[in-house]
Every structure is written in C-alpha cells, then in structure tokens.
Protein backbone atom coordinates (compact mmCIF):
# COMPACT_ATOMS: atom_id res chain seq x y z
CA MET A 1 -30.44 8.20 -1.37
CA GLY A 2 -27.92 6.73 -3.83
CA SER A 3 -27.78 3.12 -4.82
CA LEU A 4 -25.63 0.77 -2.75
CA ARG A 5 -22.54 -0.91 -4.08
CA GLY A 6 -22.82 -4.53 -5.08
CA LEU A 7 -21.52 -6.96 -2.46
CA ALA A 8 -19.09 -9.70 -3.43
CA THR A 9 -19.74 -13.26 -2.30
CA PRO A 10 -17.62 -14.48 0.67
CA PHE A 11 -14.93 -16.96 -0.29
CA VAL A 12 -12.38 -19.16 1.44
CA ALA A 13 -8.90 -17.67 1.19
CA LEU A 14 -6.26 -19.91 -0.32
CA GLY A 15 -3.50 -21.23 1.92
CA PRO A 16 0.20 -20.46 1.51
CA SER A 17 1.88 -21.77 -1.62
CA GLY A 18 5.35 -21.93 -0.10
CA VAL A 19 7.40 -21.91 3.09
CA ALA A 20 10.48 -19.85 3.96
CA VAL A 21 12.52 -20.27 7.16
CA ARG A 22 15.66 -18.40 8.17
CA THR A 23 18.43 -19.08 10.64
CA ARG A 24 21.77 -17.61 11.53
CA LEU A 25 24.94 -18.93 9.93
CA GLY A 26 27.29 -18.75 12.88
CA GLN A 27 30.76 -19.97 13.83
CA LEU A 28 32.29 -18.74 10.57
CA THR A 29 36.03 -18.34 10.27
CA THR A 30 37.78 -15.45 8.55
CA THR A 31 38.38 -17.67 5.52
CA ASP A 32 34.69 -18.60 5.34
CA VAL A 33 33.66 -14.95 5.36
CA GLU A 34 36.19 -14.06 2.69
CA VAL A 35 35.01 -16.89 0.43
CA LEU A 36 31.36 -15.85 0.83
CA ARG A 37 32.27 -12.25 0.02
CA GLN A 38 34.16 -13.19 -3.14
CA VAL A 39 31.41 -15.55 -4.33
CA GLY A 40 28.70 -12.96 -3.65
CA ALA A 41 30.60 -10.13 -5.36
CA HIS A 42 31.45 -12.23 -8.44
CA LEU A 43 27.93 -13.59 -8.92
CA GLY A 44 26.44 -10.19 -8.15
CA LYS A 45 28.42 -8.65 -10.99
CA LEU A 46 27.12 -11.32 -13.35
CA ALA A 47 23.55 -10.75 -12.12
CA SER A 48 23.84 -6.99 -12.77
CA ARG A 49 25.10 -7.62 -16.28
CA ASP A 50 22.32 -10.12 -16.97
CA LEU A 51 19.65 -7.73 -15.68
CA ARG A 52 20.96 -5.01 -17.96
CA ALA A 53 20.73 -7.38 -20.94
CA ARG A 54 17.19 -8.39 -19.99
CA CYS A 55 16.05 -4.77 -19.70
CA ARG A 56 17.63 -4.05 -23.09
CA ASP A 57 15.57 -6.81 -24.72
CA GLY A 58 12.29 -5.44 -23.35
CA LEU A 59 9.21 -6.96 -24.96
CA ASP A 60 11.32 -8.69 -27.64
CA HIS A 61 12.63 -11.21 -25.13
CA ASP A 62 11.79 -14.87 -25.73
CA ALA A 63 13.02 -18.34 -24.79
CA GLY A 64 15.83 -18.11 -27.33
CA ALA A 65 17.21 -14.91 -25.81
CA TRP A 66 16.98 -16.49 -22.37
CA ALA A 67 19.07 -19.46 -23.58
CA VAL A 68 21.67 -17.11 -25.08
CA ARG A 69 22.04 -15.21 -21.81
CA LYS A 70 22.43 -18.45 -19.87
CA ARG A 71 25.13 -19.75 -22.26
CA GLU A 72 27.08 -16.51 -21.84
CA LEU A 73 27.01 -16.80 -18.06
CA THR A 74 27.88 -20.49 -17.80
CA PRO A 75 31.68 -20.23 -18.51
CA GLU A 76 32.08 -17.60 -15.77
CA SER A 77 30.05 -19.49 -13.16
CA SER A 78 28.39 -22.87 -13.82
CA ALA A 79 25.27 -24.14 -15.53
CA ARG A 80 23.28 -24.13 -12.30
CA TRP A 81 24.55 -20.74 -11.16
CA ALA A 82 23.66 -19.34 -14.60
CA GLY A 83 20.18 -20.80 -14.35
CA ALA A 84 19.64 -19.26 -10.91
CA ILE A 85 20.87 -15.84 -12.11
CA THR A 86 18.68 -15.76 -15.23
CA LYS A 87 15.60 -16.88 -13.32
CA ALA A 88 16.12 -14.23 -10.63
CA THR A 89 16.59 -11.64 -13.36
CA HIS A 90 13.36 -12.68 -15.05
CA ASP A 91 11.43 -12.49 -11.76
CA GLN A 92 12.85 -9.05 -10.98
CA TRP A 93 11.96 -7.72 -14.43
CA ALA A 94 8.41 -9.10 -14.12
CA LEU A 95 8.03 -7.50 -10.68
CA ALA A 96 9.15 -4.14 -12.05
CA ARG A 97 6.70 -4.56 -14.92
CA ARG A 98 3.81 -5.10 -12.51
CA GLY A 99 4.92 -2.11 -10.47
CA ALA A 100 4.92 0.07 -13.59
CA HIS A 101 1.39 -1.06 -14.40
CA ALA A 102 0.22 -0.18 -10.86
CA HIS A 103 1.91 3.24 -11.21
CA VAL A 104 0.00 3.91 -14.44
CA GLN A 105 -3.28 3.01 -12.77
CA SER A 106 -2.52 5.32 -9.84
CA LEU A 107 -1.74 8.23 -12.18
CA GLU A 108 -4.92 7.60 -14.17
CA ALA A 109 -7.00 7.67 -10.98
CA GLY A 110 -5.38 10.95 -9.93
CA VAL A 111 -5.99 12.55 -13.33
CA ARG A 112 -9.66 11.50 -13.31
CA THR A 113 -10.19 12.94 -9.83
CA LEU A 114 -8.54 16.25 -10.69
CA GLU A 115 -10.47 16.61 -13.93
CA HIS A 116 -13.75 15.97 -12.12
CA ARG A 117 -13.10 18.45 -9.33
CA LEU A 118 -11.79 21.12 -11.69
CA SER A 119 -14.97 20.88 -13.76
CA LEU A 120 -17.18 21.73 -10.75
CA PRO A 121 -17.99 25.26 -9.55
CA LEU A 122 -15.98 26.64 -6.66
CA GLY A 123 -17.31 25.67 -3.26
CA GLN A 124 -19.69 22.98 -4.50
CA LYS A 125 -20.13 20.27 -1.90
CA GLY A 126 -19.38 16.68 -2.72
CA THR A 127 -21.31 13.50 -2.06
CA LYS A 128 -20.45 10.23 -0.40
CA HIS A 129 -19.24 8.75 -3.68
CA ALA A 130 -17.71 11.78 -5.44
CA PRO A 131 -15.66 14.76 -4.17
CA GLY A 132 -16.88 18.31 -4.64
CA GLY A 133 -15.29 21.43 -6.08
CA TYR A 134 -12.30 23.27 -4.67
CA ARG A 135 -12.71 25.88 -1.96
CA SER A 136 -10.99 28.85 -3.57
CA ARG A 137 -9.68 30.11 -6.88
CA ARG A 138 -6.13 29.79 -5.59
CA GLU A 139 -6.56 26.11 -4.80
CA TRP A 140 -8.23 25.56 -8.17
CA HIS A 141 -5.24 27.12 -9.93
CA ALA A 142 -2.72 25.00 -7.95
CA LYS A 143 -4.64 21.82 -8.78
CA ALA A 144 -4.81 22.78 -12.45
CA ARG A 145 -1.01 23.00 -12.50
CA ARG A 146 -0.75 19.65 -10.73
CA LEU A 147 -3.06 18.13 -13.35
CA HIS A 148 -0.57 19.08 -16.08
CA VAL A 149 2.26 17.52 -14.04
CA LEU A 150 0.36 14.26 -13.62
CA GLU A 151 -0.57 14.18 -17.29
CA ASP A 152 3.11 14.50 -18.23
CA ARG A 153 4.05 11.71 -15.82
CA LEU A 154 1.25 9.54 -17.15
CA ALA A 155 2.36 10.08 -20.75
CA ARG A 156 5.93 9.03 -19.89
CA ALA A 157 4.76 6.01 -17.88
CA ARG A 158 2.51 4.84 -20.72
CA ALA A 159 5.30 5.29 -23.24
CA ASP A 160 7.67 3.22 -21.08
CA ARG A 161 5.10 0.48 -20.66
CA GLU A 162 4.30 0.29 -24.35
CA ALA A 163 8.01 0.13 -25.15
CA GLY A 164 8.69 -2.48 -22.46
CA ARG A 165 11.06 -0.25 -20.49
CA VAL A 166 11.32 -0.83 -16.72
CA HIS A 167 13.29 1.04 -14.08
CA VAL A 168 15.14 -1.36 -11.78
CA VAL A 169 17.92 -0.75 -9.26
CA ARG A 170 19.84 -3.76 -7.94
CA GLY A 171 20.32 -2.99 -4.28
CA GLY A 172 17.16 -0.93 -3.92
CA LYS A 173 16.10 2.51 -5.07
CA ARG A 174 15.76 3.78 -1.50
CA LEU A 175 19.32 2.83 -0.62
CA ALA A 176 20.56 4.39 -3.85
CA HIS A 177 18.86 7.69 -2.98
CA ALA A 178 20.32 7.55 0.54
CA ARG A 179 23.78 8.01 -1.01
CA HIS A 180 22.91 11.68 -1.61
CA HIS A 181 21.39 12.16 1.86
CA LEU A 182 23.82 10.37 4.18
CA THR A 183 23.16 12.74 7.08
CA ASP A 184 19.41 12.16 7.01
CA ALA A 185 19.95 8.40 6.68
CA GLY A 186 22.37 8.37 9.64
CA LEU A 187 25.13 6.70 7.60
CA THR A 188 28.71 7.42 6.77
CA GLU A 189 30.04 6.89 3.27
CA ALA A 190 31.87 3.73 4.33
CA GLU A 191 28.77 2.31 6.04
CA TRP A 192 26.62 3.08 3.00
CA ARG A 193 29.17 1.49 0.67
CA GLU A 194 29.30 -1.69 2.76
CA ARG A 195 25.51 -1.98 2.81
CA TRP A 196 25.25 -1.21 -0.91
CA GLU A 197 27.72 -3.91 -1.87
CA ALA A 198 26.09 -6.47 0.42
CA GLU A 199 22.65 -5.81 -1.10
CA ARG A 200 24.03 -6.35 -4.61
CA TRP A 201 25.68 -9.69 -3.82
CA PHE A 202 24.11 -12.83 -5.25
CA VAL A 203 24.35 -16.13 -3.33
CA GLN A 204 21.11 -18.00 -3.97
CA ALA A 205 20.22 -21.20 -5.81
CA ASP A 206 16.98 -22.98 -6.72
CA GLY A 207 16.40 -26.55 -5.57
CA GLU A 208 16.15 -29.67 -7.69
CA SER A 209 14.09 -32.69 -6.74
CA GLY A 210 15.95 -35.95 -7.03
CA LYS A 211 19.35 -34.39 -6.40
CA ARG A 212 21.30 -34.99 -3.24
CA PHE A 213 19.61 -33.16 -0.34
CA GLY A 214 17.46 -31.24 -2.84
CA ASN A 215 20.10 -28.78 -4.08
CA GLU A 216 23.38 -29.27 -5.93
CA THR A 217 24.62 -25.67 -5.80
CA ILE A 218 24.06 -24.76 -2.13
CA ARG A 219 23.78 -27.96 -0.13
CA VAL A 220 22.68 -28.24 3.50
CA THR A 221 22.72 -31.70 5.04
CA PRO A 222 20.24 -32.83 7.73
CA ASP A 223 23.09 -32.45 10.24
CA GLY A 224 23.42 -28.74 9.36
CA GLU A 225 26.59 -28.82 7.26
CA VAL A 226 26.58 -26.07 4.60
CA SER A 227 28.58 -26.30 1.39
CA LEU A 228 28.40 -24.50 -1.96
CA ARG A 229 29.67 -25.11 -5.45
CA LEU A 230 32.20 -22.43 -6.32
CA PRO A 231 32.05 -20.61 -9.67
CA ALA A 232 34.70 -21.58 -12.19
CA PRO A 233 36.97 -18.51 -11.63
CA LEU A 234 36.96 -19.18 -7.86
CA ALA A 235 37.51 -22.95 -8.01
CA HIS A 236 40.98 -22.57 -6.47
CA LEU A 237 39.32 -21.66 -3.12
CA ALA A 238 37.68 -25.10 -2.79
CA ASN A 239 38.42 -27.20 0.30
CA ALA A 240 36.40 -30.27 -0.78
CA ALA A 241 36.04 -32.46 -3.84
CA HIS A 242 34.30 -31.38 -7.06
CA GLY A 243 35.06 -27.69 -6.57
CA ARG A 244 33.02 -27.32 -3.39
CA TYR A 245 33.66 -25.27 -0.28
CA VAL A 246 32.37 -26.51 3.09
CA LEU A 247 31.71 -23.84 5.72
CA THR A 248 32.88 -24.35 9.27
CA GLY A 249 29.63 -23.31 10.91
CA GLN A 250 26.51 -25.44 11.01
CA VAL A 251 22.90 -24.35 10.89
CA VAL A 252 19.77 -25.44 12.75
CA PHE A 253 16.28 -24.41 11.65
CA ALA A 254 14.21 -23.93 14.78
CA HIS A 255 10.98 -23.11 12.96
CA ARG A 256 9.63 -25.98 10.81
CA GLY A 257 12.89 -27.80 11.44
CA GLN A 258 11.42 -31.29 11.31
CA GLU A 259 9.56 -30.49 8.10
CA TRP A 260 12.81 -29.27 6.54
CA VAL A 261 14.72 -32.38 7.69
CA ASP A 262 12.07 -34.69 6.21
CA ARG A 263 12.20 -32.84 2.92
CA VAL A 264 15.99 -32.82 2.70
CA ALA A 265 16.27 -36.49 3.66
CA ALA A 266 13.84 -37.36 0.86
CA HIS A 267 15.98 -35.36 -1.65
CA ARG A 268 13.15 -32.96 -2.47
CA ALA A 269 13.80 -29.48 -3.88
CA VAL A 270 14.81 -26.79 -1.39
CA ALA A 271 16.04 -23.33 -2.44
CA TYR A 272 18.65 -21.51 -0.34
CA ARG A 273 19.80 -17.90 -0.06
CA ILE A 274 22.83 -16.70 1.91
CA HIS A 275 22.93 -13.01 2.74
CA HIS A 276 24.87 -10.66 5.01
CA ASP A 277 23.27 -8.27 7.51
CA THR A 278 25.69 -5.36 7.75
CA ILE A 279 23.87 -3.76 10.70
CA ARG A 280 24.23 -6.82 12.93
CA ALA A 281 27.38 -8.08 11.20
CA ARG A 282 25.82 -11.52 10.83
CA TRP A 283 25.31 -14.05 8.05
CA TYR A 284 21.98 -15.75 7.50
CA VAL A 285 20.73 -18.62 5.36
CA THR A 286 17.11 -18.83 4.20
CA ALA A 287 15.55 -22.11 3.07
CA SER A 288 12.34 -22.09 1.03
CA TRP A 289 10.24 -24.69 -0.75
CA GLN A 290 6.86 -24.96 -2.41
CA LYS A 291 3.86 -26.61 -0.83
CA PRO A 292 1.38 -28.71 -2.80
CA VAL A 293 -1.91 -27.05 -3.55
CA THR A 294 -4.43 -28.23 -0.96
CA ARG A 295 -8.15 -28.35 -1.50
CA THR A 296 -9.98 -25.58 0.29
CA VAL A 297 -12.60 -26.49 2.87
CA PRO A 298 -16.19 -25.85 1.71
CA LEU A 299 -17.71 -22.73 3.17
CA ALA A 300 -20.55 -24.60 4.90
CA THR A 301 -18.10 -27.01 6.53
CA ALA A 302 -15.88 -24.22 7.81
CA LEU A 303 -18.87 -22.43 9.38
CA ALA A 304 -20.31 -25.54 11.06
CA GLU A 305 -18.94 -24.52 14.50
CA GLY A 306 -19.54 -20.79 14.19
CA VAL A 307 -17.12 -18.07 13.16
CA ILE A 308 -14.97 -15.31 14.62
CA GLY A 309 -15.39 -11.96 12.89
CA VAL A 310 -12.26 -9.79 12.86
CA ASP A 311 -12.15 -6.07 12.09
CA MET A 312 -8.65 -4.90 11.13
CA ASN A 313 -7.61 -1.45 12.37
CA ALA A 314 -4.46 0.64 12.44
CA ASP A 315 -3.47 -0.44 15.97
CA HIS A 316 -5.56 -3.47 16.93
CA LEU A 317 -7.76 -6.35 15.82
CA ALA A 318 -11.37 -6.27 17.10
CA ALA A 319 -12.87 -9.77 17.23
CA TRP A 320 -16.16 -11.32 18.37
CA HIS A 321 -17.27 -14.94 18.46
CA LEU A 322 -20.55 -15.71 16.66
CA ASP A 323 -22.50 -18.93 17.04
CA LEU A 324 -23.99 -21.02 14.23
CA HIS A 325 -26.99 -18.68 13.90
CA GLY A 326 -24.97 -15.45 13.79
CA ASN A 327 -25.58 -14.39 17.40
CA PRO A 328 -22.62 -12.88 19.34
CA VAL A 329 -21.33 -15.08 22.14
CA GLY A 330 -19.52 -13.79 25.20
CA ASN A 331 -17.59 -10.54 25.17
CA PRO A 332 -15.52 -8.98 22.38
CA ARG A 333 -11.77 -9.40 22.30
CA ARG A 334 -9.11 -6.90 21.26
CA PHE A 335 -5.60 -7.81 20.11
CA SER A 336 -3.40 -4.73 20.01
CA TYR A 337 -0.15 -4.21 18.12
CA GLY A 338 2.20 -1.29 17.55
CA LEU A 339 3.48 -0.17 14.16
CA THR A 340 6.32 2.06 15.32
CA GLY A 341 10.01 1.34 15.28
CA PRO A 342 12.00 -0.80 12.85
CA ALA A 343 10.45 -3.29 10.45
CA THR A 344 11.49 -6.28 12.56
CA HIS A 345 9.66 -4.86 15.59
CA ARG A 346 6.51 -4.12 13.56
CA ASP A 347 6.56 -7.60 12.08
CA ALA A 348 6.93 -9.15 15.53
CA GLN A 349 4.00 -7.11 16.83
CA VAL A 350 1.72 -8.27 14.01
CA ARG A 351 2.82 -11.88 14.45
CA HIS A 352 2.16 -11.79 18.20
CA ALA A 353 -1.34 -10.36 17.74
CA LEU A 354 -2.23 -13.01 15.17
CA THR A 355 -0.87 -15.75 17.43
CA ARG A 356 -3.15 -14.68 20.28
CA LEU A 357 -6.11 -14.51 17.89
CA LEU A 358 -5.48 -18.06 16.66
CA HIS A 359 -5.07 -19.36 20.21
CA TRP A 360 -8.42 -17.86 21.17
CA ALA A 361 -10.08 -19.37 18.09
CA THR A 362 -8.63 -22.78 18.94
CA THR A 363 -9.85 -22.69 22.56
CA SER A 364 -13.29 -21.51 21.40
CA GLY A 365 -13.67 -24.51 19.11
CA VAL A 366 -14.18 -22.33 16.03
CA LYS A 367 -12.88 -23.54 12.67
CA ALA A 368 -13.25 -20.29 10.69
CA ILE A 369 -12.14 -16.66 10.98
CA ALA A 370 -13.80 -14.00 8.82
CA VAL A 371 -11.76 -10.96 7.71
CA GLU A 372 -12.36 -8.13 5.27
CA ASP A 373 -10.90 -8.30 1.78
CA LEU A 374 -9.37 -4.84 2.12
CA ASP A 375 -7.54 -2.98 -0.64
CA PHE A 376 -6.70 0.69 -0.11
CA THR A 377 -4.86 1.15 -3.41
CA ALA A 378 -7.37 3.67 -4.74
CA ASP A 379 -7.84 5.45 -1.39
CA LYS A 380 -4.25 6.47 -0.68
CA THR A 381 -3.96 9.15 -3.36
CA ARG A 382 -3.62 12.76 -2.30
CA GLU A 383 -6.07 13.78 -5.03
CA LYS A 384 -8.92 11.91 -3.31
CA HIS A 385 -8.12 12.88 0.30
CA GLY A 386 -5.79 15.84 -0.22
CA ARG A 387 -6.92 17.81 2.83
CA LEU A 388 -7.29 14.78 5.09
CA LYS A 389 -3.60 14.14 5.58
CA ARG A 390 -4.04 12.25 8.83
CA PHE A 391 -6.62 9.98 7.22
CA ARG A 392 -4.28 9.21 4.33
CA GLN A 393 -1.49 8.45 6.78
CA LEU A 394 -3.86 6.23 8.78
CA ILE A 395 -4.93 4.02 5.88
CA SER A 396 -1.39 3.94 4.51
CA SER A 397 -0.04 2.63 7.81
CA MET A 398 -2.56 -0.22 8.03
CA PRO A 399 -0.67 -3.43 7.11
CA THR A 400 -3.66 -5.06 5.40
CA ALA A 401 -1.63 -7.14 2.95
CA ARG A 402 0.82 -8.26 5.63
CA LEU A 403 -1.95 -9.17 8.07
CA ARG A 404 -3.86 -11.12 5.43
CA ALA A 405 -0.80 -13.04 4.23
CA ARG A 406 0.47 -13.84 7.73
CA LEU A 407 -2.95 -14.81 9.04
CA THR A 408 -3.51 -17.18 6.12
CA SER A 409 -0.09 -18.75 6.57
CA MET A 410 -0.35 -19.14 10.35
CA ALA A 411 -3.95 -20.39 10.25
CA ASP A 412 -3.01 -23.10 7.76
CA ALA A 413 -0.81 -24.74 10.40
CA THR A 414 -3.63 -24.75 12.98
CA GLY A 415 -6.38 -26.06 10.69
CA ILE A 416 -8.43 -22.85 10.82
CA THR A 417 -10.03 -21.57 7.63
CA ILE A 418 -9.83 -17.89 6.64
CA ILE A 419 -12.93 -16.45 4.96
CA ALA A 420 -12.66 -13.15 3.08
CA VAL A 421 -15.77 -10.97 2.85
CA ASP A 422 -16.67 -7.74 1.10
CA PRO A 423 -15.76 -4.76 3.37
CA SER A 424 -18.57 -2.50 2.13
CA TYR A 425 -20.68 -0.90 4.89
CA THR A 426 -19.48 -3.25 7.64
CA SER A 427 -18.52 -0.45 10.04
CA ARG A 428 -21.58 1.67 9.29
CA TRP A 429 -24.18 -1.09 9.46
CA GLY A 430 -22.49 -2.81 12.38
CA ALA A 431 -22.65 0.38 14.45
CA GLN A 432 -26.24 1.01 13.34
CA HIS A 433 -27.65 -2.37 14.28
CA TRP A 434 -25.35 -3.83 16.96
CA GLN A 435 -23.46 -1.17 18.91
CA ASN A 436 -26.27 0.17 21.12
CA PRO A 437 -28.07 -3.15 21.79
CA LEU A 438 -24.83 -4.76 22.99
CA THR A 439 -23.79 -1.83 25.20
CA SER A 440 -24.56 -2.17 28.90
CA THR A 441 -23.36 -0.80 32.22
CA THR A 442 -20.64 -3.46 32.38
CA ARG A 443 -19.68 -3.60 28.70
CA LYS A 444 -18.94 -0.77 26.31
CA THR A 445 -19.23 -1.91 22.71
CA THR A 446 -17.12 0.11 20.29
CA ARG A 447 -17.77 0.74 16.62
CA HIS A 448 -14.99 -1.72 15.75
CA ASP A 449 -16.57 -4.46 17.89
CA ALA A 450 -19.87 -3.97 16.11
CA ALA A 451 -18.06 -4.12 12.75
CA SER A 452 -16.59 -7.50 13.68
CA ILE A 453 -20.13 -8.84 14.19
CA ALA A 454 -21.14 -7.50 10.78
CA ILE A 455 -18.12 -9.20 9.18
CA GLY A 456 -18.90 -12.53 10.82
CA ARG A 457 -22.58 -12.43 9.87
CA ARG A 458 -21.73 -11.56 6.28
CA ALA A 459 -19.44 -14.59 6.12
CA GLN A 460 -22.31 -16.77 7.39
CA GLY A 461 -24.71 -15.39 4.80
CA CYS A 462 -26.91 -13.71 7.43
CA PRO A 463 -28.12 -10.14 7.00
CA ILE A 464 -26.23 -7.65 9.14
CA ARG A 465 -29.37 -6.05 10.58
CA ARG A 466 -30.91 -7.50 13.73
CA ARG A 467 -34.39 -8.98 13.61
CA THR A 468 -36.81 -6.95 15.70
CA ALA A 469 -37.72 -8.84 18.87
CA PRO A 470 -41.45 -9.54 19.41
CA PRO A 471 -43.29 -8.60 22.63
CA ARG A 472 -42.18 -10.28 25.80
CA THR A 473 -45.22 -12.57 25.97
CA HIS A 474 -44.57 -13.83 22.43
CA GLN A 475 -40.84 -14.45 22.64
CA SER A 476 -41.24 -18.18 23.25
CA ASP A 477 -43.71 -20.63 21.79
CA GLY A 478 -43.87 -24.15 20.40
CA CYS A 479 -41.31 -23.42 17.65
CA GLY A 480 -38.65 -21.93 19.86
CA HIS A 481 -37.41 -18.40 20.31
CA ARG A 482 -38.84 -15.96 17.80
CA THR A 483 -35.51 -14.21 17.10
CA ILE A 484 -33.55 -17.34 16.20
CA GLN A 485 -31.69 -17.03 12.89
CA ALA A 486 -32.35 -19.46 10.08
CA GLY A 487 -29.60 -20.62 7.76
CA PRO A 488 -28.90 -18.73 4.51
CA GLU A 489 -30.08 -21.71 2.45
CA THR A 490 -33.51 -21.85 4.14
CA SER A 491 -36.17 -20.59 1.76
CA GLY A 492 -38.47 -17.91 3.10
CA ARG A 493 -36.37 -17.31 6.17
CA GLU A 494 -37.54 -13.69 6.27
CA GLY A 495 -41.19 -14.59 5.60
CA PRO A 496 -44.11 -15.02 8.03
CA ARG A 497 -44.07 -17.74 10.63
CA PRO A 498 -46.08 -20.92 10.01
CA ARG A 499 -49.66 -21.15 11.29
CA ILE A 500 -49.93 -22.89 14.68
CA PRO A 501 -53.18 -24.84 15.09
CA GLY A 502 -55.49 -23.80 17.87
CA PRO A 503 -57.11 -20.58 18.98
CA ARG A 504 -55.50 -17.35 17.78
CA THR A 505 -54.91 -16.18 21.34
CA ARG A 506 -51.45 -17.46 22.23
CA SER A 507 -52.20 -17.37 25.96
CA VAL A 508 -54.87 -20.13 25.57
CA PRO A 509 -53.57 -23.65 24.70
CA PRO A 510 -55.23 -25.38 21.72
CA ASP A 511 -56.87 -28.07 23.90
CA THR A 512 -58.36 -25.70 26.45
CA ALA A 513 -61.95 -26.92 26.07
CA ARG A 514 -61.09 -30.61 26.50
CA THR A 515 -58.80 -30.16 29.49
CA ARG A 516 -61.26 -27.92 31.35
CA ALA A 517 -64.11 -30.42 30.88
CA THR A 518 -62.19 -33.39 32.27
CA ARG A 519 -60.05 -31.70 34.84
CA THR A 520 -60.63 -32.55 38.52
CA PRO A 521 -60.65 -29.50 40.74
CA ASN A 522 -57.78 -29.32 43.15
CA THR A 523 -59.45 -26.89 45.56
CA VAL A 524 -62.58 -27.22 47.73
CA ARG A 525 -65.20 -24.94 46.37
CA ASP A 526 -67.88 -23.25 48.40
CA VAL A 527 -71.04 -25.31 48.97
CA ARG A 528 -73.13 -22.44 47.73
CA SER A 529 -71.37 -22.55 44.42
CA GLU A 530 -72.64 -26.11 43.91
CA GLN A 531 -76.27 -25.10 44.24
CA GLU A 532 -78.09 -24.54 40.98
CA TRP A 533 -79.94 -21.28 40.60
CA VAL A 534 -83.14 -21.20 38.50
CA GLN A 535 -84.83 -17.98 37.51
CA ASP A 536 -88.54 -17.72 38.34
CA PRO A 537 -90.90 -17.29 35.42
CA LEU A 538 -92.09 -13.75 34.81
CA LEU A 539 -95.73 -12.95 35.54
CA LEU A 540 -97.54 -11.77 32.49
CA THR A 541 -100.17 -9.17 33.21
CA GLU A 542 -102.39 -7.25 31.00
C-alpha cells in the first residue's frame, strides 16, 4: 500500500474584496445611443493602440513608459480617460501574462506524462498515482508523435514568456475565430461585425474618492441621472456644462441599491462601465467598488454551532448538517442545478442552488459551511485521462471556481463563514465509514452524502472514520455515551477511558455492599427463610 498524500489544514476562506452590480440603461433616445456609440468607438480605438504599445514594450515597460503612453492619449481624450485606458491595458496584459504561465505549466505536465508512459513496456498496468504503459504499438507511436508536437509548443511558449510576448485579442479570441465559421456560430457577417465592434468599445472609468458622487468621468447621481465627460474631439456633442453629456434615461440598482446610494452620497469611489448587448439590443451600466478587508472569524468560533459539509458535484450539491461533535443530524439535503443552455441560465442555476443552501444553513442555526478546496487544473489534460473522455468532460464541466467565488460572496452577506478543506480521500473514506451505517429502509445514503460528512468532520478537526460502538450494555455509564466525540484540542482523545472507581463489573454499582447491608426489604419473605439452620456435629468413630 502506497503512502497517503499529506492533508492541508482547513482554513477560513476570505470574503469578497469588491462588489459589482448591473442594471439596464433604459429610456434612451436616438441621440443618446449615437453619442454612446461614438464615444465607445473613439475610446476603443485609443485602447487598441495603447494595448499594442504595451505589448511592444514587453518586459522593458516601467513607470516612465506608462507616463509617456498616458501623455500621448490625453490630448485625444482627457487626463482621466487616459488614466482609465492605460490601467485597463495594464490589467489586460497582466491577465494574458498569467494565462501564458498557466499554459506553460499545462504543457509541461503533458510532456511529463507522455515521457513516463512512453518509457514503460506495452500493456503494463498503472497504479493509483501513476498511469501505465500504452496498450498497443500503434498507440505508442501516435503518442510519440504527439510528444514532439507538445515539445515544440512548449519551446515556443517558453520563448514567448522569456521575451515578454503575450497574445491578446481585444474583443475576444473566440469571437475572432467565429468570423471564419459564421455558419457554425449561427451569425451573419453583419451580426458578427456589430458584435465585434461592440466588444471593442471602451466606455469605463475608475472612481475617485472625494470627487462628486465618486466619479468625475462617468457620474451617476443618487437619483439615477447618468452623465459622462466627453473626449476632447467629441466635445461638440455636449448638452451640459463642462463638456458633459447627460443621458435621458435614469438607472436604478435593485441589488445592493441602498449600499450604492450611501456610497455615492458620501462621495466615495465607484467605478462604472457602460456596454451594449447586441443580442438583446440593450444598454447596461455596471457599478463596482472595493470593500474594506474584514477580519476573518476564528475557526473555533465559526464551528461553535456545528457545520454543514457540502460535496460539490457536476449537477448538485450534497449537504449534511453535523453537530458540535461531528455527528450527522437529521437527513441529508440535495440542491440540484443544471449546467446546460446559455451562460446566463447556468449562472442563475448555480445562484439559486447556493441561495437554498444558505437559507437552510440560516434556519439550522449553523454559522459555518465546509467545502472542498478543489482545483482540477492538472486533471483536465488528455494525456492523463486520454481514454476517459466522459470523465474529462465531467470534471471540466464542474464550475468549482464559480461555485466557490459565489458561495463566498453570498455567504458574506448572511454572516456565514466558509471553511475550505483538503479534498483528498473525502469520497473514498466517507463511503467506507459512513455510507452503510447511515443507510436504512427509509433513507438511502449516497456516496456524495457520505462525502459531505467527511468534509464537515475534516473541517472540525475530527477523524473521518467512525469510532466503533461498544457492546449494548456498555454504551452508557457515568461519563456519558461511549461514542461521543471529543474536541480536536483535547489531548488523548483517542486514548483509553479514565478508570471509574468501584468494582470492575459495570453491572454492579460501587456501593453495592453498603446499600445491601442497610436496605429494608420491600417484600415479605417466607417465615422459613428467617429460621437459622445449624449443621449437627459429625460423629467421630474409630
């Protein structure tokens, strides 16, 4: 039997660092739409030019080069528009840089796996931690050719990273590729062109604390009036003082509306982004702001009222409530969601499932939810699970990052703490120790339900395995139930029980002799039992 992987210590997940709310920008006139289109197209052209300059600088970029780029953009827009463009460019370049690093790591993992499997004899079986050899000479030859392909890709990716080159497409690489496959994308050339231009527009501005309503470039008043500072070449389109254009429509933020009003009224920084949805033919405005870093709740405090263990799966969340000692309470719960259809439908399904989970946690009085710290980055490669296509599709479709981020954000508003635990062996050990004992004629415990118990117990610091119950006659004594769970900080919690004074036979109380001597009989005994019997002396004969 191989050695087990080391288990990471459970930790409290950090809360959200920012808030973003979106609402529709309705009641726009034809002039409003035309102004927004011209502003977006003009600033989008400047953003494309600035991104090209940033990619040209590569690793040689510094604060001086950033200042030069901003000075070149200021005459064609404004100082604040130039600052917003250069900052967005820097963030986009950094994101592409991180993506290139992740791509290099994925290629390196694939090359290592192929080299290992090619070095093994044909037909050799693998182990739990390492794959075996290939099944046939034909497959071995095909994988050897793929190894050369991956090595070439890895060499190019490493060269680009060392040189500071990134590959970025303003508007999205997927939409750019759709231009050559319009039939498969279900688009006409005019529809694709409209969507492409809308994605490359730039109408967003960072907030500034201390300025009026938290933003001087795109300003939204507490009453919902939206106005924006026009770039210098478009100043002739202004309908208000100081080169500003006030839109006819007003906005109302339904979600976190009062929080947004309080922030705007206090002139605190709020960033805005105006974008056009070509599919719905609607305009939207997104407001976002940072939240102060809050102190996380100590782990012991969060677990004071028990915990709910949650096992994330491809189509549902399996949850079970555990008490303070790690014992399952009640019946398991399942919160299903579907991941088919458009992205908006999938996002709504995940949000609805998490909402029901949080409502159940609130009604149960629990202040903590334990989830697995899942990361399938290394398990999605075709080199590791090449033949198991359905399994690769299954783990690729699991929205682990989205579930974790949304659950943390939504739980922060309800005062529930999210605890992340190591996912190693939770499904295997949960099914081994908890699935059969919790299955009855009226309740069928699944493998996922048992895994949720293992996750919750790991968050509490309790071992996943169940303690073996003693005989029926010994299940209760002066110290309580024998299978009660001690806290993780209790020393010797898995050691022998303390010595109880008295006779070693548990069925006899310690004071048996004293109570029997002084006890008054409650029943009338037979008269013959009161008579004393004396044995006659034996006759001694020779």
